């Protein structure tokens, strides 16, 4: 079971990295920037949710 999970992880990690490395450098920075903004918004949402309770 755990071997299957590790195999799936490595497969999809390889697919995502191939896609990411195929992007232009500007697009790579854009993906990182928007990923960081998305994570920041999720953290802010959870903080506001905790504070409002």
C-alpha atoms as a PDB file:
ATOM      1  CA  UNK A   1       0.000   0.000   0.000  1.00  0.00           C
ATOM      2  CA  UNK A   2       2.668   2.532   1.006  1.00  0.00           C
ATOM      3  CA  UNK A   3       4.725   1.560  -2.049  1.00  0.00           C
ATOM      4  CA  UNK A   4       1.769   2.401  -4.276  1.00  0.00           C
ATOM      5  CA  UNK A   5       1.388   5.817  -2.633  1.00  0.00           C
ATOM      6  CA  UNK A   6       5.106   6.535  -3.052  1.00  0.00           C
ATOM      7  CA  UNK A   7       4.932   5.425  -6.685  1.00  0.00           C
ATOM      8  CA  UNK A   8       1.987   7.753  -7.372  1.00  0.00           C
ATOM      9  CA  UNK A   9       3.761  10.623  -5.616  1.00  0.00           C
ATOM     10  CA  UNK A  10       6.915  10.190  -7.687  1.00  0.00           C
ATOM     11  CA  UNK A  11       4.915   9.877 -10.896  1.00  0.00           C
ATOM     12  CA  UNK A  12       2.889  13.065 -10.347  1.00  0.00           C
ATOM     13  CA  UNK A  13       5.892  14.940  -8.996  1.00  0.00           C
ATOM     14  CA  UNK A  14       7.708  14.105 -12.234  1.00  0.00           C
ATOM     15  CA  UNK A  15       4.741  15.231 -14.336  1.00  0.00           C
ATOM     16  CA  UNK A  16       4.450  18.544 -12.482  1.00  0.00           C
ATOM     17  CA  UNK A  17       8.185  19.216 -12.628  1.00  0.00           C
ATOM     18  CA  UNK A  18       8.281  18.464 -16.366  1.00  0.00           C
ATOM     19  CA  UNK A  19       5.419  20.932 -16.872  1.00  0.00           C
ATOM     20  CA  UNK A  20       7.063  23.568 -14.645  1.00  0.00           C
ATOM     21  CA  UNK A  21      10.478  23.235 -16.293  1.00  0.00           C
ATOM     22  CA  UNK A  22       8.824  23.589 -19.704  1.00  0.00           C
ATOM     23  CA  UNK A  23       7.586  27.076 -18.847  1.00  0.00           C
ATOM     24  CA  UNK A  24       9.419  30.297 -19.639  1.00  0.00           C
ATOM     25  CA  UNK A  25      11.340  31.823 -16.749  1.00  0.00           C
ATOM     26  CA  UNK A  26       8.774  34.622 -16.422  1.00  0.00           C
ATOM     27  CA  UNK A  27       5.955  32.077 -16.247  1.00  0.00           C
ATOM     28  CA  UNK A  28       7.866  30.104 -13.603  1.00  0.00           C
ATOM     29  CA  UNK A  29       8.101  33.240 -11.448  1.00  0.00           C
ATOM     30  CA  UNK A  30       4.407  33.882 -12.052  1.00  0.00           C
ATOM     31  CA  UNK A  31       3.490  30.376 -10.885  1.00  0.00           C
ATOM     32  CA  UNK A  32       5.592  30.821  -7.744  1.00  0.00           C
ATOM     33  CA  UNK A  33       4.137  34.281  -7.092  1.00  0.00           C
ATOM     34  CA  UNK A  34       0.511  33.206  -7.478  1.00  0.00           C
ATOM     35  CA  UNK A  35       1.155  30.060  -5.448  1.00  0.00           C
ATOM     36  CA  UNK A  36       2.544  32.218  -2.643  1.00  0.00           C
ATOM     37  CA  UNK A  37      -0.430  34.595  -2.858  1.00  0.00           C
ATOM     38  CA  UNK A  38      -2.825  31.636  -2.718  1.00  0.00           C
ATOM     39  CA  UNK A  39      -1.109  30.195   0.358  1.00  0.00           C
ATOM     40  CA  UNK A  40      -1.123  33.639   2.012  1.00  0.00           C
ATOM     41  CA  UNK A  41      -4.864  34.035   1.364  1.00  0.00           C
ATOM     42  CA  UNK A  42      -5.583  30.588   2.817  1.00  0.00           C
ATOM     43  CA  UNK A  43      -3.575  31.409   5.959  1.00  0.00           C
ATOM     44  CA  UNK A  44      -5.374  34.748   6.337  1.00  0.00           C
ATOM     45  CA  UNK A  45      -8.744  33.031   5.878  1.00  0.00           C
ATOM     46  CA  UNK A  46      -8.001  30.520   8.637  1.00  0.00           C
ATOM     47  CA  UNK A  47      -6.688  33.238  10.944  1.00  0.00           C
ATOM     48  CA  UNK A  48      -9.830  35.329  10.448  1.00  0.00           C
ATOM     49  CA  UNK A  49     -11.975  32.260  10.939  1.00  0.00           C
ATOM     50  CA  UNK A  50     -10.256  31.486  14.263  1.00  0.00           C
ATOM     51  CA  UNK A  51     -10.500  35.107  15.433  1.00  0.00           C
ATOM     52  CA  UNK A  52     -14.208  35.375  14.647  1.00  0.00           C
ATOM     53  CA  UNK A  53     -15.154  32.374  16.821  1.00  0.00           C
END
